[in-house]
């Protein structure tokens, strides 16, 4: 794993990217693995062949980072220059193709890894946006795109409405929270602490939302009062003919 960090540092020096510490890089790769397996599970549900497994695994595990690097336009996409990312994504596709994840324990492990990846990817996206000289709002949007982009691309490839658009358990909200925390702590000169806080808080909110079924509202229903105001019951004709004028006479 030391070679992974050294390779990432050398790559960062050559491309201007943000070097990742050992812990952050490990969580990053575990998140890629978990989302690649989730992409493989989606491919199995859609009854795709091994090619579909590999493509969905790569898009699910690496799609957000690819979108981030393309938007930044600061060199080659990291997922294509660091061999560990593609190897882990293809490995996740192979695992999902061979193993059927039907057990409760295996599903929970994937959920936890996915939740940790939300905060990690959001933190990395914000860091890269700040290094590129972006403002606070573009940096936050870049962090969210990094965290949720892979799942959106996977759903689009399966011709489904991305679950992040509604009905999910605060996935995008967790990425937003982690991005804001990373931005604030980075501005205070504490990027390492910001990464840890973003990972833990993003994962915590995502897991709590999944546990208790928290979702965002999909619409607002304005209800009119059942009783009509008193003035609507008045009749203009009777008021004119026998009411006010009659009393005046």
C-alpha atoms as a PDB file:
ATOM      1  CA  UNK A   1       0.000   0.000   0.000  1.00  0.00           C
ATOM      2  CA  UNK A   2       2.998   2.275   0.437  1.00  0.00           C
ATOM      3  CA  UNK A   3       3.575   2.024  -3.283  1.00  0.00           C
ATOM      4  CA  UNK A   4       0.033   3.210  -3.844  1.00  0.00           C
ATOM      5  CA  UNK A   5       0.596   6.375  -1.812  1.00  0.00           C
ATOM      6  CA  UNK A   6       3.992   7.047  -3.402  1.00  0.00           C
ATOM      7  CA  UNK A   7       2.491   6.617  -6.868  1.00  0.00           C
ATOM      8  CA  UNK A   8      -0.336   8.975  -5.971  1.00  0.00           C
ATOM      9  CA  UNK A   9       2.136  11.563  -4.664  1.00  0.00           C
ATOM     10  CA  UNK A  10       4.274  11.402  -7.805  1.00  0.00           C
ATOM     11  CA  UNK A  11       1.166  11.645  -9.960  1.00  0.00           C
ATOM     12  CA  UNK A  12      -0.056  14.625  -7.970  1.00  0.00           C
ATOM     13  CA  UNK A  13       3.246  16.412  -8.442  1.00  0.00           C
ATOM     14  CA  UNK A  14       3.088  15.815 -12.192  1.00  0.00           C
ATOM     15  CA  UNK A  15      -0.545  16.752 -12.769  1.00  0.00           C
ATOM     16  CA  UNK A  16      -1.257  19.248 -10.020  1.00  0.00           C
ATOM     17  CA  UNK A  17      -3.767  16.937  -8.355  1.00  0.00           C
ATOM     18  CA  UNK A  18      -4.309  16.646  -4.612  1.00  0.00           C
ATOM     19  CA  UNK A  19      -2.117  13.942  -3.006  1.00  0.00           C
ATOM     20  CA  UNK A  20      -4.079  11.535  -0.827  1.00  0.00           C
ATOM     21  CA  UNK A  21      -2.912  10.220   2.515  1.00  0.00           C
ATOM     22  CA  UNK A  22      -2.775   6.501   3.167  1.00  0.00           C
ATOM     23  CA  UNK A  23      -6.089   6.384   5.032  1.00  0.00           C
ATOM     24  CA  UNK A  24      -7.983   8.528   2.532  1.00  0.00           C
ATOM     25  CA  UNK A  25      -6.573   6.567  -0.404  1.00  0.00           C
ATOM     26  CA  UNK A  26      -7.559   3.288   1.228  1.00  0.00           C
ATOM     27  CA  UNK A  27     -11.117   4.477   1.846  1.00  0.00           C
ATOM     28  CA  UNK A  28     -11.204   5.767  -1.721  1.00  0.00           C
ATOM     29  CA  UNK A  29     -10.262   2.365  -3.137  1.00  0.00           C
ATOM     30  CA  UNK A  30     -12.684   0.553  -0.820  1.00  0.00           C
ATOM     31  CA  UNK A  31     -15.438   2.880  -2.016  1.00  0.00           C
ATOM     32  CA  UNK A  32     -14.545   2.085  -5.619  1.00  0.00           C
ATOM     33  CA  UNK A  33     -14.709  -1.626  -4.809  1.00  0.00           C
ATOM     34  CA  UNK A  34     -18.056  -1.349  -3.037  1.00  0.00           C
ATOM     35  CA  UNK A  35     -19.667   0.706  -5.797  1.00  0.00           C
ATOM     36  CA  UNK A  36     -18.202  -1.561  -8.473  1.00  0.00           C
ATOM     37  CA  UNK A  37     -19.822  -4.530  -6.726  1.00  0.00           C
ATOM     38  CA  UNK A  38     -23.093  -2.602  -6.514  1.00  0.00           C
ATOM     39  CA  UNK A  39     -22.819  -1.958 -10.243  1.00  0.00           C
ATOM     40  CA  UNK A  40     -22.312  -5.682 -10.771  1.00  0.00           C
ATOM     41  CA  UNK A  41     -25.364  -6.449  -8.640  1.00  0.00           C
ATOM     42  CA  UNK A  42     -27.390  -4.054 -10.807  1.00  0.00           C
ATOM     43  CA  UNK A  43     -26.041  -5.807 -13.902  1.00  0.00           C
ATOM     44  CA  UNK A  44     -27.169  -9.165 -12.507  1.00  0.00           C
ATOM     45  CA  UNK A  45     -30.638  -7.788 -11.812  1.00  0.00           C
ATOM     46  CA  UNK A  46     -30.790  -6.568 -15.426  1.00  0.00           C
ATOM     47  CA  UNK A  47     -29.575 -10.012 -16.655  1.00  0.00           C
ATOM     48  CA  UNK A  48     -26.500  -8.606 -18.430  1.00  0.00           C
ATOM     49  CA  UNK A  49     -23.478 -10.618 -19.537  1.00  0.00           C
ATOM     50  CA  UNK A  50     -19.894 -10.280 -18.279  1.00  0.00           C
ATOM     51  CA  UNK A  51     -19.288  -7.244 -20.511  1.00  0.00           C
ATOM     52  CA  UNK A  52     -22.227  -5.503 -18.910  1.00  0.00           C
ATOM     53  CA  UNK A  53     -20.890  -6.410 -15.471  1.00  0.00           C
ATOM     54  CA  UNK A  54     -17.496  -4.836 -16.201  1.00  0.00           C
ATOM     55  CA  UNK A  55     -18.874  -1.674 -17.818  1.00  0.00           C
ATOM     56  CA  UNK A  56     -21.432  -1.013 -15.082  1.00  0.00           C
ATOM     57  CA  UNK A  57     -18.853  -1.727 -12.380  1.00  0.00           C
ATOM     58  CA  UNK A  58     -16.378   0.746 -13.878  1.00  0.00           C
ATOM     59  CA  UNK A  59     -19.012   3.440 -14.373  1.00  0.00           C
ATOM     60  CA  UNK A  60     -20.469   2.926 -10.916  1.00  0.00           C
ATOM     61  CA  UNK A  61     -17.135   2.883  -9.116  1.00  0.00           C
ATOM     62  CA  UNK A  62     -15.232   5.482 -11.142  1.00  0.00           C
ATOM     63  CA  UNK A  63     -17.900   7.568 -12.884  1.00  0.00           C
ATOM     64  CA  UNK A  64     -17.972  10.357 -10.308  1.00  0.00           C
ATOM     65  CA  UNK A  65     -14.200  10.816 -10.323  1.00  0.00           C
ATOM     66  CA  UNK A  66     -14.131  10.787 -14.117  1.00  0.00           C
ATOM     67  CA  UNK A  67     -16.818  13.478 -14.287  1.00  0.00           C
ATOM     68  CA  UNK A  68     -14.869  15.555 -11.765  1.00  0.00           C
ATOM     69  CA  UNK A  69     -11.573  15.314 -13.660  1.00  0.00           C
ATOM     70  CA  UNK A  70     -13.210  16.064 -17.014  1.00  0.00           C
ATOM     71  CA  UNK A  71     -14.888  19.177 -15.577  1.00  0.00           C
ATOM     72  CA  UNK A  72     -11.602  20.373 -14.083  1.00  0.00           C
ATOM     73  CA  UNK A  73      -9.680  19.843 -17.374  1.00  0.00           C
ATOM     74  CA  UNK A  74      -6.372  19.647 -15.516  1.00  0.00           C
ATOM     75  CA  UNK A  75      -4.709  16.671 -17.142  1.00  0.00           C
ATOM     76  CA  UNK A  76      -5.636  13.061 -17.807  1.00  0.00           C
ATOM     77  CA  UNK A  77      -8.406  11.467 -15.764  1.00  0.00           C
ATOM     78  CA  UNK A  78      -6.830   9.986 -12.633  1.00  0.00           C
ATOM     79  CA  UNK A  79      -8.746   6.718 -13.000  1.00  0.00           C
ATOM     80  CA  UNK A  80      -6.896   6.143 -16.278  1.00  0.00           C
ATOM     81  CA  UNK A  81      -3.420   7.016 -14.990  1.00  0.00           C
ATOM     82  CA  UNK A  82      -3.523   5.199 -11.646  1.00  0.00           C
ATOM     83  CA  UNK A  83      -3.793   1.465 -12.441  1.00  0.00           C
ATOM     84  CA  UNK A  84      -5.158   0.581  -9.001  1.00  0.00           C
ATOM     85  CA  UNK A  85      -8.526   2.190  -9.692  1.00  0.00           C
ATOM     86  CA  UNK A  86      -9.307   0.215 -12.832  1.00  0.00           C
ATOM     87  CA  UNK A  87      -7.993  -3.002 -11.294  1.00  0.00           C
ATOM     88  CA  UNK A  88     -10.188  -2.572  -8.228  1.00  0.00           C
ATOM     89  CA  UNK A  89     -13.245  -1.745 -10.370  1.00  0.00           C
ATOM     90  CA  UNK A  90     -12.745  -4.787 -12.616  1.00  0.00           C
ATOM     91  CA  UNK A  91     -12.127  -6.894  -9.510  1.00  0.00           C
ATOM     92  CA  UNK A  92     -15.449  -5.709  -8.110  1.00  0.00           C
ATOM     93  CA  UNK A  93     -17.169  -6.734 -11.335  1.00  0.00           C
ATOM     94  CA  UNK A  94     -15.584 -10.196 -11.099  1.00  0.00           C
ATOM     95  CA  UNK A  95     -16.650 -10.564  -7.460  1.00  0.00           C
ATOM     96  CA  UNK A  96     -20.242  -9.584  -8.266  1.00  0.00           C
ATOM     97  CA  UNK A  97     -20.274 -11.947 -11.259  1.00  0.00           C
ATOM     98  CA  UNK A  98     -19.099 -14.932  -9.221  1.00  0.00           C
ATOM     99  CA  UNK A  99     -20.789 -14.307  -5.863  1.00  0.00           C
ATOM    100  CA  UNK A 100     -24.485 -13.690  -5.312  1.00  0.00           C
ATOM    101  CA  UNK A 101     -24.801 -11.161  -2.497  1.00  0.00           C
ATOM    102  CA  UNK A 102     -27.940 -12.447  -0.834  1.00  0.00           C
ATOM    103  CA  UNK A 103     -26.778 -12.599   2.766  1.00  0.00           C
ATOM    104  CA  UNK A 104     -27.591  -9.866   5.267  1.00  0.00           C
ATOM    105  CA  UNK A 105     -23.997  -9.490   6.445  1.00  0.00           C
ATOM    106  CA  UNK A 106     -22.526  -9.025   2.966  1.00  0.00           C
ATOM    107  CA  UNK A 107     -25.187  -6.473   2.094  1.00  0.00           C
ATOM    108  CA  UNK A 108     -24.480  -4.509   5.261  1.00  0.00           C
ATOM    109  CA  UNK A 109     -20.749  -4.462   4.549  1.00  0.00           C
ATOM    110  CA  UNK A 110     -21.405  -3.008   1.087  1.00  0.00           C
ATOM    111  CA  UNK A 111     -23.753  -0.405   2.544  1.00  0.00           C
ATOM    112  CA  UNK A 112     -21.149   0.712   5.099  1.00  0.00           C
ATOM    113  CA  UNK A 113     -18.380   0.929   2.487  1.00  0.00           C
ATOM    114  CA  UNK A 114     -20.660   2.858   0.150  1.00  0.00           C
ATOM    115  CA  UNK A 115     -21.567   5.280   2.944  1.00  0.00           C
ATOM    116  CA  UNK A 116     -17.890   5.861   3.778  1.00  0.00           C
ATOM    117  CA  UNK A 117     -17.162   6.492   0.103  1.00  0.00           C
ATOM    118  CA  UNK A 118     -19.775   9.277  -0.043  1.00  0.00           C
ATOM    119  CA  UNK A 119     -17.892  11.453   2.425  1.00  0.00           C
ATOM    120  CA  UNK A 120     -14.486  10.479   1.057  1.00  0.00           C
ATOM    121  CA  UNK A 121     -15.318  11.297  -2.559  1.00  0.00           C
ATOM    122  CA  UNK A 122     -17.026  14.540  -1.563  1.00  0.00           C
ATOM    123  CA  UNK A 123     -13.924  15.601   0.392  1.00  0.00           C
ATOM    124  CA  UNK A 124     -11.566  14.766  -2.473  1.00  0.00           C
ATOM    125  CA  UNK A 125     -13.770  16.605  -4.969  1.00  0.00           C
ATOM    126  CA  UNK A 126     -13.857  19.749  -2.823  1.00  0.00           C
ATOM    127  CA  UNK A 127     -10.091  19.633  -2.312  1.00  0.00           C
ATOM    128  CA  UNK A 128      -9.412  19.357  -6.028  1.00  0.00           C
ATOM    129  CA  UNK A 129     -11.827  22.180  -6.741  1.00  0.00           C
ATOM    130  CA  UNK A 130     -10.084  24.476  -4.261  1.00  0.00           C
ATOM    131  CA  UNK A 131      -6.647  23.594  -5.643  1.00  0.00           C
ATOM    132  CA  UNK A 132      -7.931  24.459  -9.125  1.00  0.00           C
ATOM    133  CA  UNK A 133      -8.879  27.917  -7.848  1.00  0.00           C
ATOM    134  CA  UNK A 134     -12.653  27.475  -7.888  1.00  0.00           C
ATOM    135  CA  UNK A 135     -14.980  29.385  -5.607  1.00  0.00           C
ATOM    136  CA  UNK A 136     -16.822  27.894  -2.681  1.00  0.00           C
ATOM    137  CA  UNK A 137     -20.022  27.009  -4.560  1.00  0.00           C
ATOM    138  CA  UNK A 138     -18.324  25.307  -7.569  1.00  0.00           C
ATOM    139  CA  UNK A 139     -16.105  23.392  -5.122  1.00  0.00           C
ATOM    140  CA  UNK A 140     -19.153  22.091  -3.255  1.00  0.00           C
ATOM    141  CA  UNK A 141     -20.877  21.119  -6.510  1.00  0.00           C
ATOM    142  CA  UNK A 142     -17.710  19.343  -7.623  1.00  0.00           C
ATOM    143  CA  UNK A 143     -17.614  17.392  -4.373  1.00  0.00           C
ATOM    144  CA  UNK A 144     -21.229  16.335  -4.811  1.00  0.00           C
ATOM    145  CA  UNK A 145     -20.642  15.349  -8.440  1.00  0.00           C
ATOM    146  CA  UNK A 146     -17.718  13.190  -7.358  1.00  0.00           C
ATOM    147  CA  UNK A 147     -19.812  11.454  -4.702  1.00  0.00           C
ATOM    148  CA  UNK A 148     -23.029  10.814  -6.631  1.00  0.00           C
ATOM    149  CA  UNK A 149     -21.902  10.852 -10.270  1.00  0.00           C
ATOM    150  CA  UNK A 150     -21.146   7.143 -10.527  1.00  0.00           C
ATOM    151  CA  UNK A 151     -24.552   6.042  -9.313  1.00  0.00           C
ATOM    152  CA  UNK A 152     -26.282   8.482 -11.650  1.00  0.00           C
ATOM    153  CA  UNK A 153     -24.348   7.211 -14.682  1.00  0.00           C
ATOM    154  CA  UNK A 154     -25.115   3.605 -13.714  1.00  0.00           C
ATOM    155  CA  UNK A 155     -28.851   4.286 -13.476  1.00  0.00           C
ATOM    156  CA  UNK A 156     -28.871   6.165 -16.778  1.00  0.00           C
ATOM    157  CA  UNK A 157     -27.120   3.244 -18.503  1.00  0.00           C
ATOM    158  CA  UNK A 158     -29.874   0.984 -17.170  1.00  0.00           C
ATOM    159  CA  UNK A 159     -32.480   3.440 -18.526  1.00  0.00           C
ATOM    160  CA  UNK A 160     -33.786   4.307 -15.069  1.00  0.00           C
ATOM    161  CA  UNK A 161     -34.408   7.614 -13.366  1.00  0.00           C
ATOM    162  CA  UNK A 162     -31.371   8.142 -11.105  1.00  0.00           C
ATOM    163  CA  UNK A 163     -32.315   7.279  -7.549  1.00  0.00           C
ATOM    164  CA  UNK A 164     -30.507  10.378  -6.337  1.00  0.00           C
ATOM    165  CA  UNK A 165     -33.332  12.444  -7.877  1.00  0.00           C
ATOM    166  CA  UNK A 166     -35.830  11.195  -5.310  1.00  0.00           C
ATOM    167  CA  UNK A 167     -36.914   8.301  -3.159  1.00  0.00           C
ATOM    168  CA  UNK A 168     -33.445   7.502  -1.834  1.00  0.00           C
ATOM    169  CA  UNK A 169     -32.251   7.899   1.737  1.00  0.00           C
ATOM    170  CA  UNK A 170     -30.478  11.288   1.708  1.00  0.00           C
ATOM    171  CA  UNK A 171     -27.576  10.185  -0.513  1.00  0.00           C
ATOM    172  CA  UNK A 172     -27.086  13.588  -2.121  1.00  0.00           C
ATOM    173  CA  UNK A 173     -27.757  15.325   1.194  1.00  0.00           C
ATOM    174  CA  UNK A 174     -24.949  13.362   2.829  1.00  0.00           C
ATOM    175  CA  UNK A 175     -22.619  14.390   0.018  1.00  0.00           C
ATOM    176  CA  UNK A 176     -23.688  18.036   0.443  1.00  0.00           C
ATOM    177  CA  UNK A 177     -23.020  17.945   4.183  1.00  0.00           C
ATOM    178  CA  UNK A 178     -19.592  16.365   3.705  1.00  0.00           C
ATOM    179  CA  UNK A 179     -18.696  18.887   0.984  1.00  0.00           C
ATOM    180  CA  UNK A 180     -19.628  21.876   3.140  1.00  0.00           C
ATOM    181  CA  UNK A 181     -17.646  20.566   6.107  1.00  0.00           C
ATOM    182  CA  UNK A 182     -14.629  19.901   3.922  1.00  0.00           C
ATOM    183  CA  UNK A 183     -14.827  23.395   2.457  1.00  0.00           C
ATOM    184  CA  UNK A 184     -15.089  25.148   5.827  1.00  0.00           C
ATOM    185  CA  UNK A 185     -12.273  23.185   7.476  1.00  0.00           C
ATOM    186  CA  UNK A 186     -10.047  23.574   4.417  1.00  0.00           C
ATOM    187  CA  UNK A 187     -10.547  27.350   4.538  1.00  0.00           C
ATOM    188  CA  UNK A 188      -9.526  27.188   8.203  1.00  0.00           C
ATOM    189  CA  UNK A 189      -6.305  25.410   7.260  1.00  0.00           C
ATOM    190  CA  UNK A 190      -7.389  21.968   8.499  1.00  0.00           C
ATOM    191  CA  UNK A 191      -7.782  19.821   5.361  1.00  0.00           C
ATOM    192  CA  UNK A 192      -6.816  16.549   7.070  1.00  0.00           C
ATOM    193  CA  UNK A 193      -9.323  17.041   9.866  1.00  0.00           C
ATOM    194  CA  UNK A 194     -11.851  18.102   7.250  1.00  0.00           C
ATOM    195  CA  UNK A 195     -11.399  14.841   5.367  1.00  0.00           C
ATOM    196  CA  UNK A 196     -11.942  12.780   8.509  1.00  0.00           C
ATOM    197  CA  UNK A 197     -14.990  14.813   9.553  1.00  0.00           C
ATOM    198  CA  UNK A 198     -16.466  14.649   6.039  1.00  0.00           C
ATOM    199  CA  UNK A 199     -16.052  10.875   5.843  1.00  0.00           C
ATOM    200  CA  UNK A 200     -17.548  10.210   9.273  1.00  0.00           C
ATOM    201  CA  UNK A 201     -20.423  12.672   9.036  1.00  0.00           C
ATOM    202  CA  UNK A 202     -21.313  11.732   5.465  1.00  0.00           C
ATOM    203  CA  UNK A 203     -21.303   8.051   6.338  1.00  0.00           C
ATOM    204  CA  UNK A 204     -23.196   8.648   9.588  1.00  0.00           C
ATOM    205  CA  UNK A 205     -26.005  10.619   7.967  1.00  0.00           C
ATOM    206  CA  UNK A 206     -26.278   8.133   5.105  1.00  0.00           C
ATOM    207  CA  UNK A 207     -26.498   5.147   7.465  1.00  0.00           C
ATOM    208  CA  UNK A 208     -28.984   6.854   9.803  1.00  0.00           C
ATOM    209  CA  UNK A 209     -31.176   7.829   6.849  1.00  0.00           C
ATOM    210  CA  UNK A 210     -31.120   4.256   5.594  1.00  0.00           C
ATOM    211  CA  UNK A 211     -31.852   2.886   9.062  1.00  0.00           C
ATOM    212  CA  UNK A 212     -34.832   5.141   9.770  1.00  0.00           C
ATOM    213  CA  UNK A 213     -36.037   5.681   6.216  1.00  0.00           C
ATOM    214  CA  UNK A 214     -35.384   9.423   6.038  1.00  0.00           C
ATOM    215  CA  UNK A 215     -36.114  10.889   2.614  1.00  0.00           C
ATOM    216  CA  UNK A 216     -36.599  14.358   1.204  1.00  0.00           C
ATOM    217  CA  UNK A 217     -40.109  15.544   0.290  1.00  0.00           C
ATOM    218  CA  UNK A 218     -41.053  15.104  -3.350  1.00  0.00           C
ATOM    219  CA  UNK A 219     -43.801  17.731  -3.508  1.00  0.00           C
ATOM    220  CA  UNK A 220     -45.636  20.371  -1.498  1.00  0.00           C
ATOM    221  CA  UNK A 221     -49.422  20.117  -1.144  1.00  0.00           C
ATOM    222  CA  UNK A 222     -51.185  23.359  -0.290  1.00  0.00           C
ATOM    223  CA  UNK A 223     -54.625  22.680   1.176  1.00  0.00           C
ATOM    224  CA  UNK A 224     -57.376  25.293   1.096  1.00  0.00           C
ATOM    225  CA  UNK A 225     -59.351  25.754   4.335  1.00  0.00           C
ATOM    226  CA  UNK A 226     -62.516  23.680   4.506  1.00  0.00           C
ATOM    227  CA  UNK A 227     -64.673  26.534   5.792  1.00  0.00           C
ATOM    228  CA  UNK A 228     -65.276  29.450   3.467  1.00  0.00           C
ATOM    229  CA  UNK A 229     -64.814  32.989   4.798  1.00  0.00           C
ATOM    230  CA  UNK A 230     -67.994  34.640   6.043  1.00  0.00           C
ATOM    231  CA  UNK A 231     -68.061  37.262   3.318  1.00  0.00           C
ATOM    232  CA  UNK A 232     -68.359  34.583   0.623  1.00  0.00           C
ATOM    233  CA  UNK A 233     -71.779  33.581   2.015  1.00  0.00           C
ATOM    234  CA  UNK A 234     -73.256  37.039   1.447  1.00  0.00           C
ATOM    235  CA  UNK A 235     -75.421  37.644  -1.578  1.00  0.00           C
ATOM    236  CA  UNK A 236     -74.982  40.959  -3.246  1.00  0.00           C
ATOM    237  CA  UNK A 237     -78.592  41.177  -4.440  1.00  0.00           C
ATOM    238  CA  UNK A 238     -80.217  40.649  -1.041  1.00  0.00           C
ATOM    239  CA  UNK A 239     -77.770  42.986   0.637  1.00  0.00           C
ATOM    240  CA  UNK A 240     -78.540  45.668  -1.952  1.00  0.00           C
ATOM    241  CA  UNK A 241     -82.331  45.322  -1.991  1.00  0.00           C
ATOM    242  CA  UNK A 242     -83.441  44.445   1.525  1.00  0.00           C
ATOM    243  CA  UNK A 243     -80.489  44.910   3.727  1.00  0.00           C
ATOM    244  CA  UNK A 244     -78.482  48.031   4.026  1.00  0.00           C
ATOM    245  CA  UNK A 245     -80.776  50.220   1.893  1.00  0.00           C
ATOM    246  CA  UNK A 246     -83.933  49.056   3.664  1.00  0.00           C
ATOM    247  CA  UNK A 247     -82.523  49.925   7.077  1.00  0.00           C
ATOM    248  CA  UNK A 248     -81.476  53.321   5.827  1.00  0.00           C
ATOM    249  CA  UNK A 249     -85.030  54.120   4.744  1.00  0.00           C
END
